[in-house]
Amino acid sequence: MNAALVKQASELIPNPHVLINLVSRRVRQLTSGGGGVSRPLVAEHGNLSAADIALTELIEGRMGYELPDAIPVTRQSGKGRNRPKNWASISPPTRNGH
């Protein structure tokens, strides 16, 4: 993988996890050999590896991505929540262990 291409692509996509996932998915498409999806979207790809082709496609804007909207995760409090029936009969342990 060409370090200069990685640096250019990381300026466009600052999150390394997203960049890795995009490149690896495109590499799998390029190496699968199945139809139009596996053809490179760049004109000159002579000595480039599949990863370099994927990075070049990202840099040239021939491949895009969408991130889903972030949904805040909230945790319910225990207030007002029904406990399972068998919990009512179990007494909490005391400090002595009895």
PDB file of N, CA and C in Angstrom:
ATOM      1  N   MET A   1       0.847  -1.163   0.000  1.00  0.00           N
ATOM      2  CA  MET A   1       0.000   0.000   0.000  1.00  0.00           C
ATOM      3  C   MET A   1       0.898   1.233   0.000  1.00  0.00           C
ATOM      4  N   ASN A   2       0.591   2.145  -0.871  1.00  0.00           N
ATOM      5  CA  ASN A   2       1.377   3.349  -1.047  1.00  0.00           C
ATOM      6  C   ASN A   2       1.094   4.323   0.104  1.00  0.00           C
ATOM      7  N   ALA A   3       2.132   4.721   0.829  1.00  0.00           N
ATOM      8  CA  ALA A   3       1.975   5.604   1.991  1.00  0.00           C
ATOM      9  C   ALA A   3       1.462   6.978   1.603  1.00  0.00           C
ATOM     10  N   ALA A   4       1.859   7.480   0.443  1.00  0.00           N
ATOM     11  CA  ALA A   4       1.382   8.793  -0.001  1.00  0.00           C
ATOM     12  C   ALA A   4      -0.121   8.760  -0.274  1.00  0.00           C
ATOM     13  N   LEU A   5      -0.599   7.669  -0.850  1.00  0.00           N
ATOM     14  CA  LEU A   5      -2.033   7.536  -1.098  1.00  0.00           C
ATOM     15  C   LEU A   5      -2.815   7.427   0.212  1.00  0.00           C
ATOM     16  N   VAL A   6      -2.260   6.713   1.162  1.00  0.00           N
ATOM     17  CA  VAL A   6      -2.908   6.583   2.469  1.00  0.00           C
ATOM     18  C   VAL A   6      -3.008   7.945   3.147  1.00  0.00           C
ATOM     19  N   LYS A   7      -1.950   8.732   3.054  1.00  0.00           N
ATOM     20  CA  LYS A   7      -1.955  10.060   3.668  1.00  0.00           C
ATOM     21  C   LYS A   7      -2.999  10.961   3.014  1.00  0.00           C
ATOM     22  N   GLN A   8      -3.087  10.939   1.676  1.00  0.00           N
ATOM     23  CA  GLN A   8      -4.086  11.754   0.973  1.00  0.00           C
ATOM     24  C   GLN A   8      -5.504  11.309   1.327  1.00  0.00           C
ATOM     25  N   ALA A   9      -5.719  10.006   1.389  1.00  0.00           N
ATOM     26  CA  ALA A   9      -7.050   9.497   1.715  1.00  0.00           C
ATOM     27  C   ALA A   9      -7.428   9.801   3.157  1.00  0.00           C
ATOM     28  N   SER A  10      -6.449   9.779   4.057  1.00  0.00           N
ATOM     29  CA  SER A  10      -6.751  10.070   5.459  1.00  0.00           C
ATOM     30  C   SER A  10      -7.066  11.543   5.683  1.00  0.00           C
ATOM     31  N   GLU A  11      -6.655  12.416   4.772  1.00  0.00           N
ATOM     32  CA  GLU A  11      -7.051  13.816   4.865  1.00  0.00           C
ATOM     33  C   GLU A  11      -8.523  13.978   4.481  1.00  0.00           C
ATOM     34  N   LEU A  12      -9.001  13.139   3.566  1.00  0.00           N
ATOM     35  CA  LEU A  12     -10.404  13.185   3.167  1.00  0.00           C
ATOM     36  C   LEU A  12     -11.302  12.478   4.181  1.00  0.00           C
ATOM     37  N   ILE A  13     -10.825  11.366   4.703  1.00  0.00           N
ATOM     38  CA  ILE A  13     -11.580  10.564   5.669  1.00  0.00           C
ATOM     39  C   ILE A  13     -10.721  10.444   6.919  1.00  0.00           C
ATOM     40  N   PRO A  14     -10.906  11.342   7.892  1.00  0.00           N
ATOM     41  CA  PRO A  14     -10.014  11.378   9.049  1.00  0.00           C
ATOM     42  C   PRO A  14     -10.163  10.187  10.001  1.00  0.00           C
ATOM     43  N   ASN A  15     -11.295   9.524  10.005  1.00  0.00           N
ATOM     44  CA  ASN A  15     -11.487   8.387  10.901  1.00  0.00           C
ATOM     45  C   ASN A  15     -10.817   7.157  10.295  1.00  0.00           C
ATOM     46  N   PRO A  16      -9.757   6.639  10.925  1.00  0.00           N
ATOM     47  CA  PRO A  16      -9.029   5.505  10.328  1.00  0.00           C
ATOM     48  C   PRO A  16      -9.868   4.235  10.228  1.00  0.00           C
ATOM     49  N   HIS A  17     -10.825   4.053  11.139  1.00  0.00           N
ATOM     50  CA  HIS A  17     -11.668   2.859  11.089  1.00  0.00           C
ATOM     51  C   HIS A  17     -12.561   2.880   9.851  1.00  0.00           C
ATOM     52  N   VAL A  18     -13.117   4.032   9.542  1.00  0.00           N
ATOM     53  CA  VAL A  18     -13.968   4.169   8.352  1.00  0.00           C
ATOM     54  C   VAL A  18     -13.124   3.981   7.100  1.00  0.00           C
ATOM     55  N   LEU A  19     -11.941   4.576   7.071  1.00  0.00           N
ATOM     56  CA  LEU A  19     -11.058   4.451   5.920  1.00  0.00           C
ATOM     57  C   LEU A  19     -10.682   2.991   5.671  1.00  0.00           C
ATOM     58  N   ILE A  20     -10.312   2.279   6.711  1.00  0.00           N
ATOM     59  CA  ILE A  20      -9.938   0.877   6.570  1.00  0.00           C
ATOM     60  C   ILE A  20     -11.106   0.047   6.060  1.00  0.00           C
ATOM     61  N   ASN A  21     -12.291   0.297   6.599  1.00  0.00           N
ATOM     62  CA  ASN A  21     -13.459  -0.464   6.160  1.00  0.00           C
ATOM     63  C   ASN A  21     -13.804  -0.182   4.702  1.00  0.00           C
ATOM     64  N   LEU A  22     -13.719   1.077   4.287  1.00  0.00           N
ATOM     65  CA  LEU A  22     -14.000   1.415   2.890  1.00  0.00           C
ATOM     66  C   LEU A  22     -13.007   0.758   1.941  1.00  0.00           C
ATOM     67  N   VAL A  23     -11.738   0.874   2.274  1.00  0.00           N
ATOM     68  CA  VAL A  23     -10.702   0.313   1.399  1.00  0.00           C
ATOM     69  C   VAL A  23     -10.811  -1.209   1.356  1.00  0.00           C
ATOM     70  N   SER A  24     -10.996  -1.843   2.501  1.00  0.00           N
ATOM     71  CA  SER A  24     -11.053  -3.308   2.507  1.00  0.00           C
ATOM     72  C   SER A  24     -12.277  -3.826   1.758  1.00  0.00           C
ATOM     73  N   ARG A  25     -13.410  -3.133   1.876  1.00  0.00           N
ATOM     74  CA  ARG A  25     -14.600  -3.560   1.143  1.00  0.00           C
ATOM     75  C   ARG A  25     -14.385  -3.424  -0.364  1.00  0.00           C
ATOM     76  N   ARG A  26     -13.771  -2.310  -0.760  1.00  0.00           N
ATOM     77  CA  ARG A  26     -13.524  -2.104  -2.194  1.00  0.00           C
ATOM     78  C   ARG A  26     -12.487  -3.107  -2.712  1.00  0.00           C
ATOM     79  N   VAL A  27     -11.486  -3.432  -1.925  1.00  0.00           N
ATOM     80  CA  VAL A  27     -10.487  -4.437  -2.327  1.00  0.00           C
ATOM     81  C   VAL A  27     -11.165  -5.783  -2.549  1.00  0.00           C
ATOM     82  N   ARG A  28     -12.080  -6.147  -1.655  1.00  0.00           N
ATOM     83  CA  ARG A  28     -12.814  -7.407  -1.842  1.00  0.00           C
ATOM     84  C   ARG A  28     -13.614  -7.383  -3.138  1.00  0.00           C
ATOM     85  N   GLN A  29     -14.225  -6.232  -3.462  1.00  0.00           N
ATOM     86  CA  GLN A  29     -14.971  -6.120  -4.716  1.00  0.00           C
ATOM     87  C   GLN A  29     -14.046  -6.256  -5.912  1.00  0.00           C
ATOM     88  N   LEU A  30     -12.899  -5.596  -5.854  1.00  0.00           N
ATOM     89  CA  LEU A  30     -11.967  -5.629  -6.976  1.00  0.00           C
ATOM     90  C   LEU A  30     -11.383  -7.017  -7.202  1.00  0.00           C
ATOM     91  N   THR A  31     -11.138  -7.747  -6.134  1.00  0.00           N
ATOM     92  CA  THR A  31     -10.507  -9.059  -6.272  1.00  0.00           C
ATOM     93  C   THR A  31     -11.501 -10.191  -6.487  1.00  0.00           C
ATOM     94  N   SER A  32     -12.792  -9.900  -6.341  1.00  0.00           N
ATOM     95  CA  SER A  32     -13.788 -10.967  -6.512  1.00  0.00           C
ATOM     96  C   SER A  32     -13.941 -11.364  -7.975  1.00  0.00           C
ATOM     97  N   GLY A  33     -13.738 -10.423  -8.888  1.00  0.00           N
ATOM     98  CA  GLY A  33     -13.803 -10.731 -10.312  1.00  0.00           C
ATOM     99  C   GLY A  33     -15.195 -10.993 -10.833  1.00  0.00           C
ATOM    100  N   GLY A  34     -16.208 -10.395 -10.232  1.00  0.00           N
ATOM    101  CA  GLY A  34     -17.570 -10.666 -10.673  1.00  0.00           C
ATOM    102  C   GLY A  34     -18.272  -9.471 -11.265  1.00  0.00           C
ATOM    103  N   GLY A  35     -18.123  -9.235 -12.541  1.00  0.00           N
ATOM    104  CA  GLY A  35     -18.901  -8.220 -13.231  1.00  0.00           C
ATOM    105  C   GLY A  35     -18.390  -6.805 -13.112  1.00  0.00           C
ATOM    106  N   GLY A  36     -19.312  -5.851 -13.309  1.00  0.00           N
ATOM    107  CA  GLY A  36     -18.969  -4.431 -13.368  1.00  0.00           C
ATOM    108  C   GLY A  36     -18.482  -3.837 -12.070  1.00  0.00           C
ATOM    109  N   VAL A  37     -18.912  -4.389 -10.952  1.00  0.00           N
ATOM    110  CA  VAL A  37     -18.488  -3.854  -9.655  1.00  0.00           C
ATOM    111  C   VAL A  37     -17.006  -4.067  -9.438  1.00  0.00           C
ATOM    112  N   SER A  38     -16.462  -5.116 -10.036  1.00  0.00           N
ATOM    113  CA  SER A  38     -15.059  -5.443  -9.786  1.00  0.00           C
ATOM    114  C   SER A  38     -14.100  -4.751 -10.742  1.00  0.00           C
ATOM    115  N   ARG A  39     -14.600  -3.909 -11.622  1.00  0.00           N
ATOM    116  CA  ARG A  39     -13.711  -3.166 -12.524  1.00  0.00           C
ATOM    117  C   ARG A  39     -13.231  -1.892 -11.842  1.00  0.00           C
ATOM    118  N   PRO A  40     -11.966  -1.566 -11.989  1.00  0.00           N
ATOM    119  CA  PRO A  40     -11.447  -0.327 -11.392  1.00  0.00           C
ATOM    120  C   PRO A  40     -12.118   0.898 -12.010  1.00  0.00           C
ATOM    121  N   LEU A  41     -12.347   1.908 -11.166  1.00  0.00           N
ATOM    122  CA  LEU A  41     -12.975   3.144 -11.606  1.00  0.00           C
ATOM    123  C   LEU A  41     -11.947   4.200 -12.004  1.00  0.00           C
ATOM    124  N   VAL A  42     -10.684   3.850 -12.001  1.00  0.00           N
ATOM    125  CA  VAL A  42      -9.621   4.765 -12.408  1.00  0.00           C
ATOM    126  C   VAL A  42      -9.086   4.324 -13.766  1.00  0.00           C
ATOM    127  N   ALA A  43      -8.657   5.307 -14.563  1.00  0.00           N
ATOM    128  CA  ALA A  43      -8.220   5.013 -15.929  1.00  0.00           C
ATOM    129  C   ALA A  43      -6.898   4.246 -15.951  1.00  0.00           C
ATOM    130  N   GLU A  44      -5.908   4.746 -15.233  1.00  0.00           N
ATOM    131  CA  GLU A  44      -4.591   4.114 -15.256  1.00  0.00           C
ATOM    132  C   GLU A  44      -4.368   3.359 -13.948  1.00  0.00           C
ATOM    133  N   HIS A  45      -4.356   2.062 -14.025  1.00  0.00           N
ATOM    134  CA  HIS A  45      -4.152   1.250 -12.832  1.00  0.00           C
ATOM    135  C   HIS A  45      -3.098   0.177 -13.079  1.00  0.00           C
ATOM    136  N   GLY A  46      -2.178   0.443 -13.978  1.00  0.00           N
ATOM    137  CA  GLY A  46      -1.168  -0.515 -14.410  1.00  0.00           C
ATOM    138  C   GLY A  46      -0.527  -1.324 -13.313  1.00  0.00           C
ATOM    139  N   ASN A  47       0.359  -0.739 -12.530  1.00  0.00           N
ATOM    140  CA  ASN A  47       1.111  -1.479 -11.514  1.00  0.00           C
ATOM    141  C   ASN A  47       0.539  -1.315 -10.115  1.00  0.00           C
ATOM    142  N   LEU A  48      -0.646  -0.766  -9.996  1.00  0.00           N
ATOM    143  CA  LEU A  48      -1.223  -0.529  -8.674  1.00  0.00           C
ATOM    144  C   LEU A  48      -1.840  -1.806  -8.114  1.00  0.00           C
ATOM    145  N   SER A  49      -1.695  -1.966  -6.819  1.00  0.00           N
ATOM    146  CA  SER A  49      -2.353  -3.087  -6.148  1.00  0.00           C
ATOM    147  C   SER A  49      -3.838  -2.752  -5.971  1.00  0.00           C
ATOM    148  N   ALA A  50      -4.622  -3.723  -5.542  1.00  0.00           N
ATOM    149  CA  ALA A  50      -6.053  -3.490  -5.338  1.00  0.00           C
ATOM    150  C   ALA A  50      -6.286  -2.424  -4.269  1.00  0.00           C
ATOM    151  N   ALA A  51      -5.464  -2.418  -3.219  1.00  0.00           N
ATOM    152  CA  ALA A  51      -5.596  -1.414  -2.164  1.00  0.00           C
ATOM    153  C   ALA A  51      -5.270  -0.018  -2.693  1.00  0.00           C
ATOM    154  N   ASP A  52      -4.234   0.092  -3.543  1.00  0.00           N
ATOM    155  CA  ASP A  52      -3.875   1.387  -4.113  1.00  0.00           C
ATOM    156  C   ASP A  52      -4.957   1.881  -5.075  1.00  0.00           C
ATOM    157  N   ILE A  53      -5.575   0.968  -5.807  1.00  0.00           N
ATOM    158  CA  ILE A  53      -6.678   1.355  -6.694  1.00  0.00           C
ATOM    159  C   ILE A  53      -7.843   1.893  -5.865  1.00  0.00           C
ATOM    160  N   ALA A  54      -8.172   1.203  -4.774  1.00  0.00           N
ATOM    161  CA  ALA A  54      -9.262   1.653  -3.906  1.00  0.00           C
ATOM    162  C   ALA A  54      -8.957   3.024  -3.303  1.00  0.00           C
ATOM    163  N   LEU A  55      -7.730   3.233  -2.859  1.00  0.00           N
ATOM    164  CA  LEU A  55      -7.347   4.538  -2.307  1.00  0.00           C
ATOM    165  C   LEU A  55      -7.421   5.627  -3.372  1.00  0.00           C
ATOM    166  N   THR A  56      -6.966   5.320  -4.586  1.00  0.00           N
ATOM    167  CA  THR A  56      -7.013   6.298  -5.678  1.00  0.00           C
ATOM    168  C   THR A  56      -8.458   6.648  -6.013  1.00  0.00           C
ATOM    169  N   GLU A  57      -9.337   5.666  -6.006  1.00  0.00           N
ATOM    170  CA  GLU A  57     -10.751   5.928  -6.261  1.00  0.00           C
ATOM    171  C   GLU A  57     -11.339   6.855  -5.205  1.00  0.00           C
ATOM    172  N   LEU A  58     -10.959   6.661  -3.949  1.00  0.00           N
ATOM    173  CA  LEU A  58     -11.419   7.550  -2.878  1.00  0.00           C
ATOM    174  C   LEU A  58     -10.894   8.968  -3.072  1.00  0.00           C
ATOM    175  N   ILE A  59      -9.618   9.088  -3.378  1.00  0.00           N
ATOM    176  CA  ILE A  59      -8.979  10.396  -3.522  1.00  0.00           C
ATOM    177  C   ILE A  59      -9.586  11.173  -4.689  1.00  0.00           C
ATOM    178  N   GLU A  60      -9.845  10.472  -5.792  1.00  0.00           N
ATOM    179  CA  GLU A  60     -10.401  11.128  -6.977  1.00  0.00           C
ATOM    180  C   GLU A  60     -11.902  11.361  -6.875  1.00  0.00           C
ATOM    181  N   GLY A  61     -12.528  10.908  -5.800  1.00  0.00           N
ATOM    182  CA  GLY A  61     -13.954  11.128  -5.605  1.00  0.00           C
ATOM    183  C   GLY A  61     -14.838  10.190  -6.410  1.00  0.00           C
ATOM    184  N   ARG A  62     -14.301   9.097  -6.873  1.00  0.00           N
ATOM    185  CA  ARG A  62     -15.081   8.142  -7.658  1.00  0.00           C
ATOM    186  C   ARG A  62     -15.821   7.149  -6.768  1.00  0.00           C
ATOM    187  N   MET A  63     -15.506   7.162  -5.507  1.00  0.00           N
ATOM    188  CA  MET A  63     -16.161   6.288  -4.555  1.00  0.00           C
ATOM    189  C   MET A  63     -16.528   7.126  -3.340  1.00  0.00           C
ATOM    190  N   GLY A  64     -17.740   7.016  -2.873  1.00  0.00           N
ATOM    191  CA  GLY A  64     -18.180   7.787  -1.725  1.00  0.00           C
ATOM    192  C   GLY A  64     -18.674   6.883  -0.616  1.00  0.00           C
ATOM    193  N   TYR A  65     -19.130   7.494   0.446  1.00  0.00           N
ATOM    194  CA  TYR A  65     -19.655   6.749   1.579  1.00  0.00           C
ATOM    195  C   TYR A  65     -20.622   7.627   2.342  1.00  0.00           C
ATOM    196  N   GLU A  66     -21.467   7.002   3.126  1.00  0.00           N
ATOM    197  CA  GLU A  66     -22.415   7.695   3.994  1.00  0.00           C
ATOM    198  C   GLU A  66     -22.319   7.103   5.387  1.00  0.00           C
ATOM    199  N   LEU A  67     -22.273   7.959   6.372  1.00  0.00           N
ATOM    200  CA  LEU A  67     -22.302   7.486   7.750  1.00  0.00           C
ATOM    201  C   LEU A  67     -23.719   7.653   8.278  1.00  0.00           C
ATOM    202  N   PRO A  68     -24.235   6.664   8.976  1.00  0.00           N
ATOM    203  CA  PRO A  68     -25.581   6.825   9.543  1.00  0.00           C
ATOM    204  C   PRO A  68     -25.562   7.855  10.658  1.00  0.00           C
ATOM    205  N   ASP A  69     -26.722   8.434  10.925  1.00  0.00           N
ATOM    206  CA  ASP A  69     -26.831   9.396  12.015  1.00  0.00           C
ATOM    207  C   ASP A  69     -26.580   8.698  13.344  1.00  0.00           C
ATOM    208  N   ALA A  70     -25.863   9.383  14.208  1.00  0.00           N
ATOM    209  CA  ALA A  70     -25.568   8.821  15.527  1.00  0.00           C
ATOM    210  C   ALA A  70     -26.806   8.907  16.404  1.00  0.00           C
ATOM    211  N   ILE A  71     -27.144   7.811  17.020  1.00  0.00           N
ATOM    212  CA  ILE A  71     -28.291   7.763  17.922  1.00  0.00           C
ATOM    213  C   ILE A  71     -27.746   7.635  19.333  1.00  0.00           C
ATOM    214  N   PRO A  72     -28.094   8.576  20.211  1.00  0.00           N
ATOM    215  CA  PRO A  72     -27.574   8.479  21.576  1.00  0.00           C
ATOM    216  C   PRO A  72     -28.158   7.257  22.277  1.00  0.00           C
ATOM    217  N   VAL A  73     -27.298   6.552  22.967  1.00  0.00           N
ATOM    218  CA  VAL A  73     -27.712   5.373  23.702  1.00  0.00           C
ATOM    219  C   VAL A  73     -28.041   5.799  25.119  1.00  0.00           C
ATOM    220  N   THR A  74     -29.241   5.484  25.552  1.00  0.00           N
ATOM    221  CA  THR A  74     -29.647   5.832  26.914  1.00  0.00           C
ATOM    222  C   THR A  74     -29.911   4.551  27.685  1.00  0.00           C
ATOM    223  N   ARG A  75     -29.658   4.617  28.931  1.00  0.00           N
ATOM    224  CA  ARG A  75     -29.865   3.465  29.789  1.00  0.00           C
ATOM    225  C   ARG A  75     -31.031   3.760  30.714  1.00  0.00           C
ATOM    226  N   GLN A  76     -31.953   2.831  30.785  1.00  0.00           N
ATOM    227  CA  GLN A  76     -33.092   3.026  31.655  1.00  0.00           C
ATOM    228  C   GLN A  76     -32.657   2.957  33.103  1.00  0.00           C
ATOM    229  N   SER A  77     -33.303   3.770  33.922  1.00  0.00           N
ATOM    230  CA  SER A  77     -33.031   3.666  35.352  1.00  0.00           C
ATOM    231  C   SER A  77     -33.900   2.551  35.914  1.00  0.00           C
ATOM    232  N   GLY A  78     -33.594   2.116  37.090  1.00  0.00           N
ATOM    233  CA  GLY A  78     -34.346   1.040  37.718  1.00  0.00           C
ATOM    234  C   GLY A  78     -35.665   1.489  38.311  1.00  0.00           C
ATOM    235  N   LYS A  79     -35.904   2.801  38.362  1.00  0.00           N
ATOM    236  CA  LYS A  79     -37.115   3.322  38.981  1.00  0.00           C
ATOM    237  C   LYS A  79     -38.332   2.974  38.134  1.00  0.00           C
ATOM    238  N   GLY A  80     -39.338   2.460  38.786  1.00  0.00           N
ATOM    239  CA  GLY A  80     -40.595   2.162  38.120  1.00  0.00           C
ATOM    240  C   GLY A  80     -40.558   0.918  37.247  1.00  0.00           C
ATOM    241  N   ARG A  81     -39.462   0.192  37.267  1.00  0.00           N
ATOM    242  CA  ARG A  81     -39.346  -1.000  36.446  1.00  0.00           C
ATOM    243  C   ARG A  81     -39.841  -2.205  37.243  1.00  0.00           C
ATOM    244  N   ASN A  82     -40.574  -3.067  36.598  1.00  0.00           N
ATOM    245  CA  ASN A  82     -41.076  -4.264  37.268  1.00  0.00           C
ATOM    246  C   ASN A  82     -39.944  -5.268  37.427  1.00  0.00           C
ATOM    247  N   ARG A  83     -39.851  -5.814  38.625  1.00  0.00           N
ATOM    248  CA  ARG A  83     -38.851  -6.840  38.891  1.00  0.00           C
ATOM    249  C   ARG A  83     -39.465  -8.201  38.596  1.00  0.00           C
ATOM    250  N   PRO A  84     -38.658  -9.162  38.222  1.00  0.00           N
ATOM    251  CA  PRO A  84     -39.182 -10.521  38.082  1.00  0.00           C
ATOM    252  C   PRO A  84     -39.746 -11.009  39.411  1.00  0.00           C
ATOM    253  N   LYS A  85     -40.775 -11.859  39.361  1.00  0.00           N
ATOM    254  CA  LYS A  85     -41.488 -12.290  40.568  1.00  0.00           C
ATOM    255  C   LYS A  85     -40.582 -12.985  41.574  1.00  0.00           C
ATOM    256  N   ASN A  86     -39.617 -13.768  41.103  1.00  0.00           N
ATOM    257  CA  ASN A  86     -38.771 -14.497  42.046  1.00  0.00           C
ATOM    258  C   ASN A  86     -37.784 -13.585  42.770  1.00  0.00           C
ATOM    259  N   TRP A  87     -37.582 -12.377  42.315  1.00  0.00           N
ATOM    260  CA  TRP A  87     -36.663 -11.464  42.999  1.00  0.00           C
ATOM    261  C   TRP A  87     -37.238 -10.969  44.313  1.00  0.00           C
ATOM    262  N   ALA A  88     -38.549 -10.902  44.415  1.00  0.00           N
ATOM    263  CA  ALA A  88     -39.169 -10.376  45.628  1.00  0.00           C
ATOM    264  C   ALA A  88     -38.897 -11.288  46.826  1.00  0.00           C
ATOM    265  N   SER A  89     -38.793 -12.592  46.604  1.00  0.00           N
ATOM    266  CA  SER A  89     -38.601 -13.517  47.714  1.00  0.00           C
ATOM    267  C   SER A  89     -37.134 -13.646  48.121  1.00  0.00           C
ATOM    268  N   ILE A  90     -36.230 -13.175  47.320  1.00  0.00           N
ATOM    269  CA  ILE A  90     -34.816 -13.280  47.641  1.00  0.00           C
ATOM    270  C   ILE A  90     -34.396 -12.048  48.428  1.00  0.00           C
ATOM    271  N   SER A  91     -33.879 -12.272  49.614  1.00  0.00           N
ATOM    272  CA  SER A  91     -33.432 -11.138  50.405  1.00  0.00           C
ATOM    273  C   SER A  91     -31.982 -10.821  50.052  1.00  0.00           C
ATOM    274  N   PRO A  92     -31.611  -9.571  50.086  1.00  0.00           N
ATOM    275  CA  PRO A  92     -30.240  -9.224  49.758  1.00  0.00           C
ATOM    276  C   PRO A  92     -29.279  -9.739  50.826  1.00  0.00           C
ATOM    277  N   PRO A  93     -28.059 -10.081  50.430  1.00  0.00           N
ATOM    278  CA  PRO A  93     -27.093 -10.593  51.422  1.00  0.00           C
ATOM    279  C   PRO A  93     -26.709  -9.514  52.421  1.00  0.00           C
ATOM    280  N   THR A  94     -26.451  -9.941  53.623  1.00  0.00           N
ATOM    281  CA  THR A  94     -26.007  -9.010  54.639  1.00  0.00           C
ATOM    282  C   THR A  94     -24.493  -8.954  54.667  1.00  0.00           C
ATOM    283  N   ARG A  95     -23.991  -8.115  55.492  1.00  0.00           N
ATOM    284  CA  ARG A  95     -22.544  -7.927  55.554  1.00  0.00           C
ATOM    285  C   ARG A  95     -21.831  -9.156  56.111  1.00  0.00           C
ATOM    286  N   ASN A  96     -22.488  -9.893  56.992  1.00  0.00           N
ATOM    287  CA  ASN A  96     -21.894 -11.079  57.595  1.00  0.00           C
ATOM    288  C   ASN A  96     -21.928 -12.273  56.642  1.00  0.00           C
ATOM    289  N   GLY A  97     -22.707 -12.179  55.586  1.00  0.00           N
ATOM    290  CA  GLY A  97     -22.842 -13.291  54.673  1.00  0.00           C
ATOM    291  C   GLY A  97     -24.051 -14.161  54.997  1.00  0.00           C
ATOM    292  N   HIS A  98     -24.887 -13.752  55.995  1.00  0.00           N
ATOM    293  CA  HIS A  98     -26.063 -14.537  56.379  1.00  0.00           C
ATOM    294  C   HIS A  98     -27.314 -13.837  55.986  1.00  0.00           C
TER     295      HIS A  98
END
